C-alpha atoms as a PDB file:
ATOM      1  CA  MET A   1      38.049 110.708   8.724  1.00  0.00           C
ATOM      2  CA  GLN A   2      41.156 108.676   9.405  1.00  0.00           C
ATOM      3  CA  LEU A   3      44.674 110.081   9.494  1.00  0.00           C
ATOM      4  CA  VAL A   4      47.679 107.743   9.488  1.00  0.00           C
ATOM      5  CA  ILE A   5      51.222 108.879  10.170  1.00  0.00           C
ATOM      6  CA  ASP A   6      53.769 106.128  10.706  1.00  0.00           C
ATOM      7  CA  GLN A   7      56.557 106.542  13.238  1.00  0.00           C
ATOM      8  CA  SER A   8      59.302 107.280  10.706  1.00  0.00           C
ATOM      9  CA  ASP A   9      57.222 110.027   9.067  1.00  0.00           C
ATOM     10  CA  PHE A  10      56.305 111.488  12.448  1.00  0.00           C
ATOM     11  CA  GLN A  11      59.978 111.610  13.461  1.00  0.00           C
ATOM     12  CA  ARG A  12      60.786 113.701  10.380  1.00  0.00           C
ATOM     13  CA  LEU A  13      58.426 116.442  11.548  1.00  0.00           C
ATOM     14  CA  SER A  14      59.807 119.328  13.577  1.00  0.00           C
ATOM     15  CA  PRO A  15      59.535 118.957  17.384  1.00  0.00           C
ATOM     16  CA  ASP A  16      57.057 121.859  17.487  1.00  0.00           C
ATOM     17  CA  LEU A  17      54.831 120.254  14.867  1.00  0.00           C
ATOM     18  CA  GLN A  18      55.030 116.879  16.646  1.00  0.00           C
ATOM     19  CA  ALA A  19      53.933 118.504  19.901  1.00  0.00           C
ATOM     20  CA  ALA A  20      51.150 120.432  18.187  1.00  0.00           C
ATOM     21  CA  LEU A  21      49.839 117.258  16.541  1.00  0.00           C
ATOM     22  CA  ILE A  22      49.923 115.334  19.810  1.00  0.00           C
ATOM     23  CA  GLU A  23      48.106 118.145  21.573  1.00  0.00           C
ATOM     24  CA  ALA A  24      45.496 118.501  18.816  1.00  0.00           C
ATOM     25  CA  LEU A  25      44.842 114.794  18.370  1.00  0.00           C
ATOM     26  CA  ALA A  26      45.044 113.702  21.991  1.00  0.00           C
ATOM     27  CA  GLY A  27      43.470 116.812  23.438  1.00  0.00           C
ATOM     28  CA  ASP A  28      46.023 116.548  26.213  1.00  0.00           C
ATOM     29  CA  SER A  29      48.063 119.722  26.545  1.00  0.00           C
ATOM     30  CA  SER A  30      49.900 118.333  29.589  1.00  0.00           C
ATOM     31  CA  LEU A  31      51.381 115.536  27.448  1.00  0.00           C
ATOM     32  CA  ALA A  32      52.549 118.044  24.860  1.00  0.00           C
ATOM     33  CA  GLN A  33      54.029 120.249  27.594  1.00  0.00           C
ATOM     34  CA  ARG A  34      55.953 117.330  29.143  1.00  0.00           C
ATOM     35  CA  GLN A  35      57.388 116.423  25.759  1.00  0.00           C
ATOM     36  CA  ARG A  36      58.447 120.027  25.116  1.00  0.00           C
ATOM     37  CA  SER A  37      60.312 120.106  28.423  1.00  0.00           C
ATOM     38  CA  PHE A  38      63.033 117.858  26.921  1.00  0.00           C
ATOM     39  CA  PRO A  39      63.349 118.990  23.294  1.00  0.00           C
ATOM     40  CA  GLY A  40      65.862 117.471  20.932  1.00  0.00           C
ATOM     41  CA  LEU A  41      66.742 114.216  22.666  1.00  0.00           C
ATOM     42  CA  ARG A  42      69.755 112.711  20.917  1.00  0.00           C
ATOM     43  CA  TRP A  43      71.280 109.254  20.980  1.00  0.00           C
ATOM     44  CA  ARG A  44      74.261 108.857  23.359  1.00  0.00           C
ATOM     45  CA  GLN A  45      73.922 112.425  24.599  1.00  0.00           C
ATOM     46  CA  PRO A  46      72.929 112.815  28.252  1.00  0.00           C
ATOM     47  CA  ILE A  47      70.175 115.332  28.797  1.00  0.00           C
ATOM     48  CA  ASP A  48      70.211 118.400  31.018  1.00  0.00           C
ATOM     49  CA  LEU A  49      68.097 118.240  34.162  1.00  0.00           C
ATOM     50  CA  ASN A  50      67.029 121.503  35.766  1.00  0.00           C
ATOM     51  CA  PRO A  51      66.762 121.717  39.580  1.00  0.00           C
ATOM     52  CA  GLU A  52      63.046 120.822  39.651  1.00  0.00           C
ATOM     53  CA  GLN A  53      63.533 117.818  37.380  1.00  0.00           C
ATOM     54  CA  ALA A  54      66.557 116.665  39.374  1.00  0.00           C
ATOM     55  CA  ALA A  55      64.542 116.834  42.612  1.00  0.00           C
ATOM     56  CA  ARG A  56      61.781 114.706  41.062  1.00  0.00           C
ATOM     57  CA  PHE A  57      64.384 112.300  39.681  1.00  0.00           C
ATOM     58  CA  VAL A  58      66.166 111.840  43.022  1.00  0.00           C
ATOM     59  CA  HIS A  59      62.984 111.630  45.124  1.00  0.00           C
ATOM     60  CA  GLY A  60      62.557 108.100  46.487  1.00  0.00           C
ATOM     61  CA  LEU A  61      65.897 106.739  45.274  1.00  0.00           C
ATOM     62  CA  PRO A  62      67.714 104.253  47.526  1.00  0.00           C
ATOM     63  CA  GLU A  63      70.672 105.648  49.462  1.00  0.00           C
ATOM     64  CA  GLY A  64      73.212 103.781  47.333  1.00  0.00           C
ATOM     65  CA  HIS A  65      71.923 105.403  44.158  1.00  0.00           C
ATOM     66  CA  ARG A  66      71.964 108.805  45.851  1.00  0.00           C
ATOM     67  CA  GLN A  67      75.603 108.292  46.834  1.00  0.00           C
ATOM     68  CA  ARG A  68      76.524 107.466  43.264  1.00  0.00           C
ATOM     69  CA  LEU A  69      74.696 110.518  41.920  1.00  0.00           C
ATOM     70  CA  ALA A  70      76.357 112.650  44.614  1.00  0.00           C
ATOM     71  CA  LEU A  71      79.715 111.579  43.199  1.00  0.00           C
ATOM     72  CA  PHE A  72      78.745 113.142  39.853  1.00  0.00           C
ATOM     73  CA  ALA A  73      77.597 116.275  41.675  1.00  0.00           C
ATOM     74  CA  ARG A  74      80.882 116.595  43.606  1.00  0.00           C
ATOM     75  CA  LYS A  75      83.036 115.959  40.531  1.00  0.00           C
ATOM     76  CA  ASP A  76      81.296 118.483  38.235  1.00  0.00           C
ATOM     77  CA  GLY A  77      79.671 115.691  36.260  1.00  0.00           C
ATOM     78  CA  ARG A  78      82.738 113.608  35.334  1.00  0.00           C
ATOM     79  CA  VAL A  79      83.610 110.453  37.270  1.00  0.00           C
ATOM     80  CA  ARG A  80      86.367 107.973  36.486  1.00  0.00           C
ATOM     81  CA  MET A  81      85.390 104.336  36.178  1.00  0.00           C
ATOM     82  CA  LYS A  82      87.692 103.409  39.075  1.00  0.00           C
ATOM     83  CA  GLU A  83      85.969 105.989  41.312  1.00  0.00           C
ATOM     84  CA  MET A  84      82.599 104.466  40.427  1.00  0.00           C
ATOM     85  CA  GLN A  85      83.936 101.009  41.199  1.00  0.00           C
ATOM     86  CA  SER A  86      85.109 102.161  44.625  1.00  0.00           C
ATOM     87  CA  VAL A  87      81.633 103.518  45.410  1.00  0.00           C
ATOM     88  CA  PHE A  88      80.093 100.224  44.306  1.00  0.00           C
ATOM     89  CA  GLY A  89      82.677  98.208  46.206  1.00  0.00           C
ATOM     90  CA  ASP A  90      82.790  95.947  43.176  1.00  0.00           C
ATOM     91  CA  PRO A  91      85.551  95.916  40.542  1.00  0.00           C
ATOM     92  CA  ASP A  92      83.186  94.383  37.984  1.00  0.00           C
ATOM     93  CA  LEU A  93      81.964  96.791  35.301  1.00  0.00           C
ATOM     94  CA  ARG A  94      78.513  95.227  35.457  1.00  0.00           C
ATOM     95  CA  ALA A  95      77.733  97.025  38.745  1.00  0.00           C
ATOM     96  CA  ALA A  96      78.247 100.418  37.096  1.00  0.00           C
ATOM     97  CA  SER A  97      76.399  99.262  34.005  1.00  0.00           C
ATOM     98  CA  ASP A  98      73.417  98.098  36.096  1.00  0.00           C
ATOM     99  CA  PHE A  99      73.340 101.467  37.874  1.00  0.00           C
ATOM    100  CA  GLN A 100      73.497 103.314  34.545  1.00  0.00           C
ATOM    101  CA  LYS A 101      70.617 101.200  33.189  1.00  0.00           C
ATOM    102  CA  ALA A 102      68.509 101.806  36.301  1.00  0.00           C
ATOM    103  CA  MET A 103      69.034 105.565  36.050  1.00  0.00           C
ATOM    104  CA  THR A 104      68.172 105.492  32.347  1.00  0.00           C
ATOM    105  CA  ARG A 105      64.908 103.607  32.982  1.00  0.00           C
ATOM    106  CA  ARG A 106      63.964 106.075  35.723  1.00  0.00           C
ATOM    107  CA  LEU A 107      64.792 109.057  33.525  1.00  0.00           C
ATOM    108  CA  ARG A 108      62.789 107.733  30.591  1.00  0.00           C
ATOM    109  CA  ARG A 109      59.716 107.443  32.802  1.00  0.00           C
ATOM    110  CA  LEU A 110      60.264 111.035  33.952  1.00  0.00           C
ATOM    111  CA  VAL A 111      60.583 112.443  30.438  1.00  0.00           C
ATOM    112  CA  GLU A 112      58.148 110.065  28.729  1.00  0.00           C
ATOM    113  CA  ASP A 113      60.613 109.052  26.045  1.00  0.00           C
ATOM    114  CA  PRO A 114      58.819 106.732  23.589  1.00  0.00           C
ATOM    115  CA  GLU A 115      61.852 106.555  21.295  1.00  0.00           C
ATOM    116  CA  LYS A 116      64.111 105.511  24.190  1.00  0.00           C
ATOM    117  CA  LYS A 117      66.792 108.107  23.447  1.00  0.00           C
ATOM    118  CA  ALA A 118      67.046 109.813  26.831  1.00  0.00           C
ATOM    119  CA  GLN A 119      69.924 108.955  29.089  1.00  0.00           C
ATOM    120  CA  LEU A 120      71.336 110.546  32.197  1.00  0.00           C
ATOM    121  CA  ILE A 121      74.853 109.095  32.212  1.00  0.00           C
ATOM    122  CA  GLY A 122      77.154 108.907  29.219  1.00  0.00           C
ATOM    123  CA  TRP A 123      80.537 107.339  28.560  1.00  0.00           C
ATOM    124  CA  ASP A 124      83.429 109.444  27.254  1.00  0.00           C
ATOM    125  CA  PHE A 125      84.768 107.167  24.513  1.00  0.00           C
ATOM    126  CA  ASP A 126      87.831 109.363  23.992  1.00  0.00           C
ATOM    127  CA  ALA A 127      88.890 108.915  27.628  1.00  0.00           C
ATOM    128  CA  THR A 128      88.720 105.099  27.523  1.00  0.00           C
ATOM    129  CA  LYS A 129      91.915 103.364  28.622  1.00  0.00           C
ATOM    130  CA  TRP A 130      92.531  99.787  27.487  1.00  0.00           C
ATOM    131  CA  ASP A 131      94.891  97.036  28.622  1.00  0.00           C
ATOM    132  CA  ALA A 132      97.988  96.310  26.495  1.00  0.00           C
ATOM    133  CA  LYS A 133      96.085  93.873  24.248  1.00  0.00           C
ATOM    134  CA  ARG A 134      93.135  96.315  23.872  1.00  0.00           C
ATOM    135  CA  THR A 135      90.708  93.630  25.010  1.00  0.00           C
ATOM    136  CA  THR A 136      89.661  94.998  28.398  1.00  0.00           C
ATOM    137  CA  ILE A 137      88.757  98.491  29.519  1.00  0.00           C
ATOM    138  CA  VAL A 138      90.871  99.429  32.547  1.00  0.00           C
ATOM    139  CA  ASP A 139      89.570 102.972  33.073  1.00  0.00           C
ATOM    140  CA  GLY A 140      87.415 105.637  31.521  1.00  0.00           C
ATOM    141  CA  VAL A 141      85.004 108.422  32.356  1.00  0.00           C
ATOM    142  CA  TYR A 142      81.271 108.372  33.006  1.00  0.00           C
ATOM    143  CA  PHE A 143      79.634 111.773  32.743  1.00  0.00           C
ATOM    144  CA  VAL A 144      76.458 113.773  33.157  1.00  0.00           C
ATOM    145  CA  THR A 145      76.020 117.250  31.712  1.00  0.00           C
ATOM    146  CA  GLU A 146      77.213 120.239  33.735  1.00  0.00           C
ATOM    147  CA  PRO A 147      73.660 121.576  34.235  1.00  0.00           C
ATOM    148  CA  THR A 148      72.603 118.137  35.505  1.00  0.00           C
ATOM    149  CA  ALA A 149      75.585 117.963  37.879  1.00  0.00           C
ATOM    150  CA  LYS A 150      74.699 121.396  39.299  1.00  0.00           C
ATOM    151  CA  ALA A 151      71.024 120.466  39.642  1.00  0.00           C
ATOM    152  CA  LEU A 152      71.928 117.202  41.395  1.00  0.00           C
ATOM    153  CA  LYS A 153      74.312 119.022  43.726  1.00  0.00           C
ATOM    154  CA  GLY A 154      71.589 121.484  44.686  1.00  0.00           C
ATOM    155  CA  CYS A 155      68.839 118.954  45.307  1.00  0.00           C
ATOM    156  CA  LEU A 156      71.084 116.502  47.187  1.00  0.00           C
ATOM    157  CA  LYS A 157      72.440 119.320  49.343  1.00  0.00           C
ATOM    158  CA  ALA A 158      68.899 120.528  50.069  1.00  0.00           C
ATOM    159  CA  GLU A 159      67.791 117.002  51.058  1.00  0.00           C
ATOM    160  CA  ALA A 160      70.800 116.611  53.360  1.00  0.00           C
ATOM    161  CA  ARG A 161      69.756 119.748  55.272  1.00  0.00           C
ATOM    162  CA  ARG A 162      66.310 118.320  56.007  1.00  0.00           C
END
């Protein structure tokens, strides 16, 4: 017997049914459990990390990345672009963008995100400030969710005590 479900049809199924199919067909309940741990991933919406997930995420990161994540933890998840630039020591937006991309790649490996929806850091489009000609962004706000900020604060504080 052969069963074929293309990706677009599979995506229309409920998350519970998707997980049940994966578990039944793959015989791998751990895969289904990992996928259930981050239900409802949405485009451009940062996900919530719990303390255990944040600890796994932060483990092994270079010090510079930890400092940048600590800024989100200290600021309750919302960091102005200029604050990020001061941490990077680089006024170029590409430094922050490269950091955001690196964190997204790391997160997607953690959550096993085949659709590439998961992201840790978002951009608050409503808080964007432009120059007079509206050609260059002069400031704005990067953000993580409040639960993620709290989880990062806890795991970074715990690591600092060690």
